[in-house]
Structures are given as C-alpha cells and as structure tokens.
Amino acid sequence: MNKWLFPGSFDPFTVGHKDVVDRALAMGAEVIVAIGVHPEKKGMFSIEERKAQIERVYAAEPRVTVCSYEGLTTDFAAEVGATALLRSIRTVKDMEYERDLADVNRRISVGSRYPQGIDTVLLFALPEHAAVSSSIVRELLRYGHDASAFLPA
C-alpha cells in the first residue's frame, strides 16, 4: 500500500485540502496529514485544535493519521515510513512551484531510506482544474506517473 505524507498547514475547512486527501484515499493510499509546527507563525487555530478538527473529519477512516512535526519534511517522511510526499495543485503556477519543490525534496532525501530520493505525488486540489492545460499532464508524465490516475474520471 502507498503511504503518502501530506505536509503543511492542512486546514479542515479548506475544500482543496480535504479534496486532495479524499482523492488520495480513493486511489488506495494511506495518508499521514502532518501539520508543520512554525512557532513564529500564528494561525486562527492552535496545532492541537487543527489536529482535533481533522481527526473529527476522518474519524471513520482508519487510513488517515494526523500528527504534527518539526524540522525537514523529508526527514519526517522517512521517520514515519512514507513512500511519497502528497502535494496539492490548484493552478499551472502551483504545478511549476511544486515541480521545483519535488526536485529539491528528491535531492535532499537521497540516502539509505530513499536511495533515489523521495517521490512526490501531485494531485489537483479541485477536479475542475484537472483539465486546465495539457502542460499539466505533461508535467505529471515527466515524473513517470500514469497521468490518468491523477485526473478525475
């Protein structure tokens, strides 16, 4: 089974974030929602409140684990045994940013746990963005992914 780490500032009230996790689950993945701890950044909810909100949303889904982490995402991914990082895309600009981030993560995660570096799974946050541009599909193929698995039916 694929075990994907969804790092960052997941907000249970943001449709895009929940949509990405739901689509990953529909693809058969186990998802670790990891809330990054940034002491200098204060949001509307504490880490504990956000964790509890997300856990309530996925209370009936055993394939979702919610936690917080500090430090490098790639180190935490190795610690929890993730097979890839899960990232959301909303626009072509997001795709360009995430492609660059995926390249960086792959390079810095090369080691005994990830001999080739950790992979990144890019999913569209909203289904209507899946057909925005054929260039997005080409980018998915660039990473060796079957693009059909990442697009809505």
C-alpha atoms as a PDB file:
ATOM      1  CA  MET A   1       0.000   0.000   0.000  1.00  0.00           C
ATOM      2  CA  ASN A   2       1.167   3.533  -0.715  1.00  0.00           C
ATOM      3  CA  LYS A   3       1.736   5.632   2.381  1.00  0.00           C
ATOM      4  CA  TRP A   4       1.736   9.314   1.483  1.00  0.00           C
ATOM      5  CA  LEU A   5       2.697  12.176   3.769  1.00  0.00           C
ATOM      6  CA  PHE A   6       0.613  15.328   3.252  1.00  0.00           C
ATOM      7  CA  PRO A   7       2.757  18.006   4.929  1.00  0.00           C
ATOM      8  CA  GLY A   8       1.982  21.619   5.637  1.00  0.00           C
ATOM      9  CA  SER A   9      -0.783  23.668   7.138  1.00  0.00           C
ATOM     10  CA  PHE A  10      -3.796  21.473   6.361  1.00  0.00           C
ATOM     11  CA  ASP A  11      -6.990  23.348   7.202  1.00  0.00           C
ATOM     12  CA  PRO A  12     -10.057  21.102   7.602  1.00  0.00           C
ATOM     13  CA  PHE A  13     -12.260  23.945   6.404  1.00  0.00           C
ATOM     14  CA  THR A  14     -10.393  24.371   3.125  1.00  0.00           C
ATOM     15  CA  VAL A  15     -12.146  22.335   0.454  1.00  0.00           C
ATOM     16  CA  GLY A  16      -8.973  21.883  -1.581  1.00  0.00           C
ATOM     17  CA  HIS A  17      -7.050  20.229   1.255  1.00  0.00           C
ATOM     18  CA  LYS A  18      -9.810  17.778   2.099  1.00  0.00           C
ATOM     19  CA  ASP A  19     -10.356  17.064  -1.589  1.00  0.00           C
ATOM     20  CA  VAL A  20      -6.701  16.094  -2.045  1.00  0.00           C
ATOM     21  CA  VAL A  21      -6.771  13.714   0.931  1.00  0.00           C
ATOM     22  CA  ASP A  22     -10.087  12.218  -0.220  1.00  0.00           C
ATOM     23  CA  ARG A  23      -8.726  11.648  -3.721  1.00  0.00           C
ATOM     24  CA  ALA A  24      -5.565  10.033  -2.336  1.00  0.00           C
ATOM     25  CA  LEU A  25      -7.748   7.694  -0.250  1.00  0.00           C
ATOM     26  CA  ALA A  26      -9.836   6.878  -3.329  1.00  0.00           C
ATOM     27  CA  MET A  27      -6.588   5.872  -5.043  1.00  0.00           C
ATOM     28  CA  GLY A  28      -5.949   3.362  -2.250  1.00  0.00           C
ATOM     29  CA  ALA A  29      -3.307   5.307  -0.339  1.00  0.00           C
ATOM     30  CA  GLU A  30      -2.812   5.601   3.377  1.00  0.00           C
ATOM     31  CA  VAL A  31      -2.421   9.312   4.230  1.00  0.00           C
ATOM     32  CA  ILE A  32      -0.490  10.923   7.052  1.00  0.00           C
ATOM     33  CA  VAL A  33      -1.680  14.500   7.475  1.00  0.00           C
ATOM     34  CA  ALA A  34       1.269  16.271   9.085  1.00  0.00           C
ATOM     35  CA  ILE A  35       0.802  19.783  10.408  1.00  0.00           C
ATOM     36  CA  GLY A  36       4.036  21.742  10.296  1.00  0.00           C
ATOM     37  CA  VAL A  37       4.938  23.459  13.545  1.00  0.00           C
ATOM     38  CA  HIS A  38       6.043  27.022  12.922  1.00  0.00           C
ATOM     39  CA  PRO A  39       6.290  28.862  16.275  1.00  0.00           C
ATOM     40  CA  GLU A  40       6.707  32.230  14.553  1.00  0.00           C
ATOM     41  CA  LYS A  41       3.507  31.792  12.541  1.00  0.00           C
ATOM     42  CA  LYS A  42       0.287  32.031  14.466  1.00  0.00           C
ATOM     43  CA  GLY A  43      -2.925  30.974  12.809  1.00  0.00           C
ATOM     44  CA  MET A  44      -6.546  31.131  13.806  1.00  0.00           C
ATOM     45  CA  PHE A  45      -6.348  27.698  15.451  1.00  0.00           C
ATOM     46  CA  SER A  46      -3.628  26.088  17.527  1.00  0.00           C
ATOM     47  CA  ILE A  47      -1.898  22.927  16.312  1.00  0.00           C
ATOM     48  CA  GLU A  48      -3.946  20.914  18.825  1.00  0.00           C
ATOM     49  CA  GLU A  49      -7.244  22.441  17.635  1.00  0.00           C
ATOM     50  CA  ARG A  50      -6.419  21.808  13.972  1.00  0.00           C
ATOM     51  CA  LYS A  51      -5.344  18.250  14.748  1.00  0.00           C
ATOM     52  CA  ALA A  52      -8.616  17.597  16.616  1.00  0.00           C
ATOM     53  CA  GLN A  53     -10.681  19.116  13.769  1.00  0.00           C
ATOM     54  CA  ILE A  54      -9.002  16.957  11.131  1.00  0.00           C
ATOM     55  CA  GLU A  55      -9.318  13.848  13.303  1.00  0.00           C
ATOM     56  CA  ARG A  56     -13.075  14.518  13.614  1.00  0.00           C
ATOM     57  CA  VAL A  57     -13.394  14.828   9.825  1.00  0.00           C
ATOM     58  CA  TYR A  58     -11.661  11.457   9.318  1.00  0.00           C
ATOM     59  CA  ALA A  59     -12.823   9.679  12.498  1.00  0.00           C
ATOM     60  CA  ALA A  60     -14.293   6.796  10.472  1.00  0.00           C
ATOM     61  CA  GLU A  61     -11.292   6.467   8.134  1.00  0.00           C
ATOM     62  CA  PRO A  62      -8.546   4.205   9.558  1.00  0.00           C
ATOM     63  CA  ARG A  63      -6.150   5.066   6.709  1.00  0.00           C
ATOM     64  CA  VAL A  64      -5.748   8.681   7.874  1.00  0.00           C
ATOM     65  CA  THR A  65      -3.304   9.585  10.639  1.00  0.00           C
ATOM     66  CA  VAL A  66      -2.976  13.162  11.881  1.00  0.00           C
ATOM     67  CA  CYS A  67       0.140  14.455  13.584  1.00  0.00           C
ATOM     68  CA  SER A  68       2.407  17.462  13.877  1.00  0.00           C
ATOM     69  CA  TYR A  69       6.084  17.676  13.036  1.00  0.00           C
ATOM     70  CA  GLU A  70       9.090  19.964  13.203  1.00  0.00           C
ATOM     71  CA  GLY A  71      12.149  20.054  11.021  1.00  0.00           C
ATOM     72  CA  LEU A  72      12.658  18.803   7.481  1.00  0.00           C
ATOM     73  CA  THR A  73       9.652  17.239   5.817  1.00  0.00           C
ATOM     74  CA  THR A  74      11.833  14.634   4.139  1.00  0.00           C
ATOM     75  CA  ASP A  75      13.329  13.554   7.490  1.00  0.00           C
ATOM     76  CA  PHE A  76       9.858  13.231   8.987  1.00  0.00           C
ATOM     77  CA  ALA A  77       8.680  11.277   5.928  1.00  0.00           C
ATOM     78  CA  ALA A  78      11.473   8.757   6.487  1.00  0.00           C
ATOM     79  CA  GLU A  79      10.663   8.611  10.206  1.00  0.00           C
ATOM     80  CA  VAL A  80       7.027   7.621   9.554  1.00  0.00           C
ATOM     81  CA  GLY A  81       7.842   5.357   6.603  1.00  0.00           C
ATOM     82  CA  ALA A  82       6.111   7.448   3.934  1.00  0.00           C
ATOM     83  CA  THR A  83       6.596   6.256   0.359  1.00  0.00           C
ATOM     84  CA  ALA A  84       5.985   9.725  -1.127  1.00  0.00           C
ATOM     85  CA  LEU A  85       5.029  13.283  -0.319  1.00  0.00           C
ATOM     86  CA  LEU A  86       1.493  14.286  -1.298  1.00  0.00           C
ATOM     87  CA  ARG A  87       1.129  17.811  -2.622  1.00  0.00           C
ATOM     88  CA  SER A  88      -1.870  19.732  -3.913  1.00  0.00           C
ATOM     89  CA  ILE A  89      -2.053  21.727  -7.131  1.00  0.00           C
ATOM     90  CA  ARG A  90      -4.606  24.397  -7.954  1.00  0.00           C
ATOM     91  CA  THR A  91      -3.097  26.189 -10.934  1.00  0.00           C
ATOM     92  CA  VAL A  92      -0.376  25.853 -13.539  1.00  0.00           C
ATOM     93  CA  LYS A  93       1.745  28.184 -11.395  1.00  0.00           C
ATOM     94  CA  ASP A  94       1.309  25.772  -8.472  1.00  0.00           C
ATOM     95  CA  MET A  95       2.487  22.981 -10.758  1.00  0.00           C
ATOM     96  CA  GLU A  96       5.697  24.866 -11.551  1.00  0.00           C
ATOM     97  CA  TYR A  97       6.355  25.575  -7.866  1.00  0.00           C
ATOM     98  CA  GLU A  98       5.584  22.003  -6.786  1.00  0.00           C
ATOM     99  CA  ARG A  99       7.759  20.583  -9.572  1.00  0.00           C
ATOM    100  CA  ASP A 100      10.704  22.626  -8.280  1.00  0.00           C
ATOM    101  CA  LEU A 101       9.933  21.654  -4.684  1.00  0.00           C
ATOM    102  CA  ALA A 102       9.710  17.983  -5.677  1.00  0.00           C
ATOM    103  CA  ASP A 103      13.146  18.206  -7.289  1.00  0.00           C
ATOM    104  CA  VAL A 104      14.606  19.766  -4.127  1.00  0.00           C
ATOM    105  CA  ASN A 105      12.961  17.188  -1.854  1.00  0.00           C
ATOM    106  CA  ARG A 106      14.180  14.345  -4.035  1.00  0.00           C
ATOM    107  CA  ARG A 107      17.776  15.621  -3.866  1.00  0.00           C
ATOM    108  CA  ILE A 108      17.881  16.252  -0.113  1.00  0.00           C
ATOM    109  CA  SER A 109      16.221  12.939   0.777  1.00  0.00           C
ATOM    110  CA  VAL A 110      18.719  10.711  -1.029  1.00  0.00           C
ATOM    111  CA  GLY A 111      20.109   8.237   1.458  1.00  0.00           C
ATOM    112  CA  SER A 112      19.641   4.797   2.922  1.00  0.00           C
ATOM    113  CA  ARG A 113      15.873   5.194   3.425  1.00  0.00           C
ATOM    114  CA  TYR A 114      15.335   6.712  -0.025  1.00  0.00           C
ATOM    115  CA  PRO A 115      18.160   5.549  -2.303  1.00  0.00           C
ATOM    116  CA  GLN A 116      16.727   7.521  -5.246  1.00  0.00           C
ATOM    117  CA  GLY A 117      15.208  10.305  -3.116  1.00  0.00           C
ATOM    118  CA  ILE A 118      11.585  10.534  -2.008  1.00  0.00           C
ATOM    119  CA  ASP A 119       8.936  10.767  -4.690  1.00  0.00           C
ATOM    120  CA  THR A 120       6.197  13.392  -4.791  1.00  0.00           C
ATOM    121  CA  VAL A 121       2.590  12.719  -5.775  1.00  0.00           C
ATOM    122  CA  LEU A 122       0.900  15.789  -7.242  1.00  0.00           C
ATOM    123  CA  LEU A 123      -2.908  15.867  -7.070  1.00  0.00           C
ATOM    124  CA  PHE A 124      -5.237  18.606  -8.224  1.00  0.00           C
ATOM    125  CA  ALA A 125      -6.984  20.271  -5.317  1.00  0.00           C
ATOM    126  CA  LEU A 126     -10.165  20.771  -7.299  1.00  0.00           C
ATOM    127  CA  PRO A 127     -11.336  18.452 -10.090  1.00  0.00           C
ATOM    128  CA  GLU A 128     -12.200  21.275 -12.486  1.00  0.00           C
ATOM    129  CA  HIS A 129      -8.516  22.246 -12.566  1.00  0.00           C
ATOM    130  CA  ALA A 130      -7.547  18.817 -13.893  1.00  0.00           C
ATOM    131  CA  ALA A 131      -8.248  19.849 -17.476  1.00  0.00           C
ATOM    132  CA  VAL A 132      -6.759  23.353 -17.259  1.00  0.00           C
ATOM    133  CA  SER A 133      -3.861  22.572 -19.534  1.00  0.00           C
ATOM    134  CA  SER A 134      -2.259  19.662 -21.310  1.00  0.00           C
ATOM    135  CA  SER A 135       1.050  21.031 -19.978  1.00  0.00           C
ATOM    136  CA  ILE A 136      -0.018  19.863 -16.504  1.00  0.00           C
ATOM    137  CA  VAL A 137      -0.485  16.324 -17.806  1.00  0.00           C
ATOM    138  CA  ARG A 138       2.941  16.528 -19.466  1.00  0.00           C
ATOM    139  CA  GLU A 139       4.459  17.540 -16.115  1.00  0.00           C
ATOM    140  CA  LEU A 140       2.884  14.523 -14.423  1.00  0.00           C
ATOM    141  CA  LEU A 141       4.265  12.282 -17.142  1.00  0.00           C
ATOM    142  CA  ARG A 142       7.670  13.899 -16.654  1.00  0.00           C
ATOM    143  CA  TYR A 143       7.734  12.312 -13.195  1.00  0.00           C
ATOM    144  CA  GLY A 144       6.911   8.939 -14.715  1.00  0.00           C
ATOM    145  CA  HIS A 145       3.363   8.860 -13.361  1.00  0.00           C
ATOM    146  CA  ASP A 146       0.376   7.479 -15.205  1.00  0.00           C
ATOM    147  CA  ALA A 147      -1.472  10.781 -15.602  1.00  0.00           C
ATOM    148  CA  SER A 148      -4.875   9.087 -15.784  1.00  0.00           C
ATOM    149  CA  ALA A 149      -4.584   8.101 -12.122  1.00  0.00           C
ATOM    150  CA  PHE A 150      -4.303  11.736 -11.120  1.00  0.00           C
ATOM    151  CA  LEU A 151      -7.219  13.081 -13.125  1.00  0.00           C
ATOM    152  CA  PRO A 152     -10.898  12.861 -12.188  1.00  0.00           C
ATOM    153  CA  ALA A 153     -12.997  10.304 -14.028  1.00  0.00           C
END
